[in-house]
């Protein structure tokens, strides 16, 4: 993906990277912007469509390509969570919350990991190749109560189970 500095900065602003809490992760986000998202479960193509829609909105044009970076996918997914699941409180914007939750769940925010491209790639490969555990260790979402193997269901379904388990009905 061709890097566009202004667009990358826009994505960083969605993640609230300028806040003191997250500034140290700039290199991580830059790397996530450079890694192309891939998926195995056919329904996860929807996450790519969300990311393309995000890019299309920013550039205000139709043809913006048909692939997406990991950063775009995670931010677009976070936005989808906020607009579809959290729509009962439209005055709040928790896009960055869901984004950072997913990175935390992946283990990308741990010291020594977020600044190692090799470790980041290893973690992303586990996630995108669905080599995480049945309950989701190594995934953007995990559950402890569901008997469903998370490797067999789309990310949207995983998120819904995670939200119910973590935050209640």
C-alpha atoms as a PDB file:
ATOM      1  CA  UNK A   1       0.000   0.000   0.000  1.00  0.00           C
ATOM      2  CA  UNK A   2       1.294   3.397  -0.947  1.00  0.00           C
ATOM      3  CA  UNK A   3       1.836   5.413   2.190  1.00  0.00           C
ATOM      4  CA  UNK A   4      -0.008   8.716   2.377  1.00  0.00           C
ATOM      5  CA  UNK A   5       1.246  10.816   5.279  1.00  0.00           C
ATOM      6  CA  UNK A   6      -1.935  12.864   5.716  1.00  0.00           C
ATOM      7  CA  UNK A   7      -4.119   9.775   5.645  1.00  0.00           C
ATOM      8  CA  UNK A   8      -1.860   8.010   8.129  1.00  0.00           C
ATOM      9  CA  UNK A   9      -2.121  11.036  10.427  1.00  0.00           C
ATOM     10  CA  UNK A  10      -5.902  10.907  10.054  1.00  0.00           C
ATOM     11  CA  UNK A  11      -5.869   7.248  11.115  1.00  0.00           C
ATOM     12  CA  UNK A  12      -3.622   8.108  14.056  1.00  0.00           C
ATOM     13  CA  UNK A  13      -6.075  10.789  15.110  1.00  0.00           C
ATOM     14  CA  UNK A  14      -8.875   8.206  15.131  1.00  0.00           C
ATOM     15  CA  UNK A  15      -6.739   6.149  17.529  1.00  0.00           C
ATOM     16  CA  UNK A  16      -5.999   9.273  19.621  1.00  0.00           C
ATOM     17  CA  UNK A  17      -2.291   8.653  19.142  1.00  0.00           C
ATOM     18  CA  UNK A  18      -1.529  12.223  20.170  1.00  0.00           C
ATOM     19  CA  UNK A  19      -2.608  11.528  23.739  1.00  0.00           C
ATOM     20  CA  UNK A  20       0.219  11.050  26.218  1.00  0.00           C
ATOM     21  CA  UNK A  21      -0.957   7.501  26.909  1.00  0.00           C
ATOM     22  CA  UNK A  22      -0.516   6.273  23.337  1.00  0.00           C
ATOM     23  CA  UNK A  23       2.306   8.374  21.825  1.00  0.00           C
ATOM     24  CA  UNK A  24       4.926   5.682  22.310  1.00  0.00           C
ATOM     25  CA  UNK A  25       3.039   3.389  19.892  1.00  0.00           C
ATOM     26  CA  UNK A  26       3.539   5.535  16.786  1.00  0.00           C
ATOM     27  CA  UNK A  27       6.017   3.037  15.296  1.00  0.00           C
ATOM     28  CA  UNK A  28       3.569   0.205  15.941  1.00  0.00           C
ATOM     29  CA  UNK A  29       0.778   2.054  14.127  1.00  0.00           C
ATOM     30  CA  UNK A  30       3.128   2.899  11.252  1.00  0.00           C
ATOM     31  CA  UNK A  31       3.947  -0.795  10.923  1.00  0.00           C
ATOM     32  CA  UNK A  32       0.277  -1.814  11.108  1.00  0.00           C
ATOM     33  CA  UNK A  33      -0.343   0.689   8.297  1.00  0.00           C
ATOM     34  CA  UNK A  34       2.281  -1.039   6.151  1.00  0.00           C
ATOM     35  CA  UNK A  35       1.025  -4.609   6.685  1.00  0.00           C
ATOM     36  CA  UNK A  36      -1.726  -5.758   4.350  1.00  0.00           C
ATOM     37  CA  UNK A  37      -4.662  -7.402   6.087  1.00  0.00           C
ATOM     38  CA  UNK A  38      -5.526 -10.915   4.952  1.00  0.00           C
ATOM     39  CA  UNK A  39      -8.337 -13.159   6.048  1.00  0.00           C
ATOM     40  CA  UNK A  40      -9.321 -16.809   5.947  1.00  0.00           C
ATOM     41  CA  UNK A  41     -12.961 -16.745   7.029  1.00  0.00           C
ATOM     42  CA  UNK A  42     -15.009 -15.509   4.044  1.00  0.00           C
ATOM     43  CA  UNK A  43     -17.208 -13.227   6.179  1.00  0.00           C
ATOM     44  CA  UNK A  44     -14.136 -11.324   7.347  1.00  0.00           C
ATOM     45  CA  UNK A  45     -14.003  -9.795   3.896  1.00  0.00           C
ATOM     46  CA  UNK A  46     -16.528  -7.388   5.407  1.00  0.00           C
ATOM     47  CA  UNK A  47     -13.747  -5.940   7.557  1.00  0.00           C
ATOM     48  CA  UNK A  48     -11.852  -5.113   4.353  1.00  0.00           C
ATOM     49  CA  UNK A  49     -14.976  -3.452   2.934  1.00  0.00           C
ATOM     50  CA  UNK A  50     -15.262  -1.342   6.102  1.00  0.00           C
ATOM     51  CA  UNK A  51     -11.637  -0.272   5.732  1.00  0.00           C
ATOM     52  CA  UNK A  52     -12.097   0.595   2.067  1.00  0.00           C
ATOM     53  CA  UNK A  53     -15.166   2.655   2.985  1.00  0.00           C
ATOM     54  CA  UNK A  54     -13.079   4.499   5.563  1.00  0.00           C
ATOM     55  CA  UNK A  55     -10.423   5.247   2.947  1.00  0.00           C
ATOM     56  CA  UNK A  56     -13.047   6.231   0.367  1.00  0.00           C
ATOM     57  CA  UNK A  57     -14.566   8.726   2.824  1.00  0.00           C
ATOM     58  CA  UNK A  58     -11.192  10.275   3.524  1.00  0.00           C
ATOM     59  CA  UNK A  59     -10.130  10.606  -0.098  1.00  0.00           C
ATOM     60  CA  UNK A  60     -13.663  11.424  -1.263  1.00  0.00           C
ATOM     61  CA  UNK A  61     -13.503   9.226  -4.346  1.00  0.00           C
ATOM     62  CA  UNK A  62     -14.704   5.847  -5.493  1.00  0.00           C
ATOM     63  CA  UNK A  63     -11.581   4.020  -6.639  1.00  0.00           C
ATOM     64  CA  UNK A  64      -9.263   3.598  -3.652  1.00  0.00           C
ATOM     65  CA  UNK A  65      -8.100   0.017  -4.195  1.00  0.00           C
ATOM     66  CA  UNK A  66      -9.390  -3.299  -2.959  1.00  0.00           C
ATOM     67  CA  UNK A  67      -6.931  -4.187  -0.179  1.00  0.00           C
ATOM     68  CA  UNK A  68      -6.534  -2.721   3.277  1.00  0.00           C
ATOM     69  CA  UNK A  69      -3.878  -2.413   5.925  1.00  0.00           C
ATOM     70  CA  UNK A  70      -4.195  -3.965   9.362  1.00  0.00           C
ATOM     71  CA  UNK A  71      -4.394  -0.457  10.831  1.00  0.00           C
ATOM     72  CA  UNK A  72      -7.285   0.487   8.551  1.00  0.00           C
ATOM     73  CA  UNK A  73      -9.138  -2.752   9.286  1.00  0.00           C
ATOM     74  CA  UNK A  74      -8.824  -2.411  13.051  1.00  0.00           C
ATOM     75  CA  UNK A  75      -9.857   1.241  13.061  1.00  0.00           C
ATOM     76  CA  UNK A  76     -12.745   0.668  10.650  1.00  0.00           C
ATOM     77  CA  UNK A  77     -13.846  -2.300  12.763  1.00  0.00           C
ATOM     78  CA  UNK A  78     -13.659  -0.111  15.872  1.00  0.00           C
ATOM     79  CA  UNK A  79     -15.811   2.469  14.142  1.00  0.00           C
ATOM     80  CA  UNK A  80     -18.301  -0.232  13.122  1.00  0.00           C
ATOM     81  CA  UNK A  81     -18.488  -1.434  16.739  1.00  0.00           C
ATOM     82  CA  UNK A  82     -19.150   2.106  17.886  1.00  0.00           C
ATOM     83  CA  UNK A  83     -21.840   2.851  15.316  1.00  0.00           C
ATOM     84  CA  UNK A  84     -23.571  -0.539  15.312  1.00  0.00           C
ATOM     85  CA  UNK A  85     -23.231  -1.775  18.888  1.00  0.00           C
ATOM     86  CA  UNK A  86     -22.864   1.413  20.917  1.00  0.00           C
ATOM     87  CA  UNK A  87     -25.404   3.480  19.007  1.00  0.00           C
ATOM     88  CA  UNK A  88     -27.511   3.940  22.158  1.00  0.00           C
ATOM     89  CA  UNK A  89     -25.130   6.718  23.208  1.00  0.00           C
ATOM     90  CA  UNK A  90     -24.387   8.710  20.032  1.00  0.00           C
ATOM     91  CA  UNK A  91     -22.681  11.543  21.937  1.00  0.00           C
ATOM     92  CA  UNK A  92     -19.758   9.331  22.924  1.00  0.00           C
ATOM     93  CA  UNK A  93     -16.922   8.341  20.640  1.00  0.00           C
ATOM     94  CA  UNK A  94     -15.174   5.183  21.804  1.00  0.00           C
ATOM     95  CA  UNK A  95     -13.493   4.254  18.523  1.00  0.00           C
ATOM     96  CA  UNK A  96     -10.061   4.535  20.101  1.00  0.00           C
ATOM     97  CA  UNK A  97     -11.190   2.415  23.061  1.00  0.00           C
ATOM     98  CA  UNK A  98     -12.152  -0.559  20.890  1.00  0.00           C
ATOM     99  CA  UNK A  99      -9.019  -0.139  18.768  1.00  0.00           C
ATOM    100  CA  UNK A 100      -6.695  -0.228  21.788  1.00  0.00           C
ATOM    101  CA  UNK A 101      -8.648  -3.131  23.326  1.00  0.00           C
ATOM    102  CA  UNK A 102      -7.973  -5.181  20.190  1.00  0.00           C
ATOM    103  CA  UNK A 103      -4.259  -4.316  20.221  1.00  0.00           C
ATOM    104  CA  UNK A 104      -4.080  -5.171  23.918  1.00  0.00           C
ATOM    105  CA  UNK A 105      -5.856  -8.483  23.316  1.00  0.00           C
ATOM    106  CA  UNK A 106      -3.324  -9.308  20.605  1.00  0.00           C
ATOM    107  CA  UNK A 107      -0.491  -8.577  23.024  1.00  0.00           C
ATOM    108  CA  UNK A 108       0.956  -5.846  20.813  1.00  0.00           C
ATOM    109  CA  UNK A 109       1.174  -3.245  23.591  1.00  0.00           C
ATOM    110  CA  UNK A 110       3.566  -5.159  25.820  1.00  0.00           C
ATOM    111  CA  UNK A 111       7.036  -3.709  26.369  1.00  0.00           C
ATOM    112  CA  UNK A 112       9.553  -5.195  23.971  1.00  0.00           C
ATOM    113  CA  UNK A 113       6.868  -6.200  21.490  1.00  0.00           C
ATOM    114  CA  UNK A 114       5.421  -2.978  20.109  1.00  0.00           C
ATOM    115  CA  UNK A 115       8.831  -1.807  18.920  1.00  0.00           C
ATOM    116  CA  UNK A 116       9.907  -5.103  17.316  1.00  0.00           C
ATOM    117  CA  UNK A 117       8.700  -5.539  13.740  1.00  0.00           C
ATOM    118  CA  UNK A 118       9.596  -9.223  13.889  1.00  0.00           C
ATOM    119  CA  UNK A 119       7.425  -9.771  16.984  1.00  0.00           C
ATOM    120  CA  UNK A 120       4.604  -7.658  15.554  1.00  0.00           C
ATOM    121  CA  UNK A 121       4.638  -9.721  12.353  1.00  0.00           C
ATOM    122  CA  UNK A 122       4.647 -12.970  14.329  1.00  0.00           C
ATOM    123  CA  UNK A 123       1.619 -11.865  16.339  1.00  0.00           C
ATOM    124  CA  UNK A 124      -0.210 -10.617  13.256  1.00  0.00           C
ATOM    125  CA  UNK A 125       0.463 -13.915  11.459  1.00  0.00           C
ATOM    126  CA  UNK A 126      -1.044 -15.877  14.364  1.00  0.00           C
ATOM    127  CA  UNK A 127      -4.099 -13.642  14.282  1.00  0.00           C
ATOM    128  CA  UNK A 128      -4.670 -13.417  10.530  1.00  0.00           C
ATOM    129  CA  UNK A 129      -3.865 -17.094   9.908  1.00  0.00           C
ATOM    130  CA  UNK A 130      -6.240 -18.031  12.756  1.00  0.00           C
ATOM    131  CA  UNK A 131      -3.577 -19.905  14.672  1.00  0.00           C
ATOM    132  CA  UNK A 132      -4.849 -18.458  17.940  1.00  0.00           C
ATOM    133  CA  UNK A 133      -6.434 -20.742  20.533  1.00  0.00           C
ATOM    134  CA  UNK A 134     -10.015 -21.998  20.472  1.00  0.00           C
ATOM    135  CA  UNK A 135     -10.957 -19.448  23.144  1.00  0.00           C
ATOM    136  CA  UNK A 136      -9.126 -16.658  21.330  1.00  0.00           C
ATOM    137  CA  UNK A 137      -5.759 -16.270  23.040  1.00  0.00           C
ATOM    138  CA  UNK A 138      -3.684 -14.516  20.369  1.00  0.00           C
ATOM    139  CA  UNK A 139      -6.780 -12.989  18.775  1.00  0.00           C
ATOM    140  CA  UNK A 140      -8.377  -9.541  18.831  1.00  0.00           C
ATOM    141  CA  UNK A 141     -11.201 -11.005  20.968  1.00  0.00           C
ATOM    142  CA  UNK A 142     -11.280 -13.878  23.419  1.00  0.00           C
ATOM    143  CA  UNK A 143     -13.932 -15.570  25.501  1.00  0.00           C
ATOM    144  CA  UNK A 144     -13.867 -17.910  28.431  1.00  0.00           C
ATOM    145  CA  UNK A 145     -17.528 -18.928  28.497  1.00  0.00           C
ATOM    146  CA  UNK A 146     -18.272 -19.762  24.869  1.00  0.00           C
ATOM    147  CA  UNK A 147     -17.933 -23.341  23.688  1.00  0.00           C
ATOM    148  CA  UNK A 148     -17.622 -22.151  20.103  1.00  0.00           C
ATOM    149  CA  UNK A 149     -14.169 -22.418  18.564  1.00  0.00           C
ATOM    150  CA  UNK A 150     -13.406 -18.790  17.726  1.00  0.00           C
ATOM    151  CA  UNK A 151     -11.185 -19.911  14.861  1.00  0.00           C
ATOM    152  CA  UNK A 152     -14.329 -21.061  13.053  1.00  0.00           C
ATOM    153  CA  UNK A 153     -16.398 -17.866  13.255  1.00  0.00           C
ATOM    154  CA  UNK A 154     -16.082 -14.411  11.769  1.00  0.00           C
ATOM    155  CA  UNK A 155     -14.586 -11.516  13.693  1.00  0.00           C
ATOM    156  CA  UNK A 156     -17.986  -9.781  13.971  1.00  0.00           C
ATOM    157  CA  UNK A 157     -19.464 -12.779  15.804  1.00  0.00           C
ATOM    158  CA  UNK A 158     -16.363 -13.022  18.003  1.00  0.00           C
ATOM    159  CA  UNK A 159     -16.745  -9.370  18.937  1.00  0.00           C
ATOM    160  CA  UNK A 160     -20.383  -9.854  19.904  1.00  0.00           C
ATOM    161  CA  UNK A 161     -19.539 -12.807  22.181  1.00  0.00           C
ATOM    162  CA  UNK A 162     -16.662 -10.820  23.688  1.00  0.00           C
ATOM    163  CA  UNK A 163     -18.901  -7.810  24.387  1.00  0.00           C
ATOM    164  CA  UNK A 164     -21.588  -9.931  26.038  1.00  0.00           C
ATOM    165  CA  UNK A 165     -19.042 -11.729  28.192  1.00  0.00           C
ATOM    166  CA  UNK A 166     -16.985  -8.660  29.084  1.00  0.00           C
ATOM    167  CA  UNK A 167     -19.640  -5.954  29.392  1.00  0.00           C
ATOM    168  CA  UNK A 168     -22.891  -7.850  29.982  1.00  0.00           C
ATOM    169  CA  UNK A 169     -26.072  -7.743  27.976  1.00  0.00           C
END
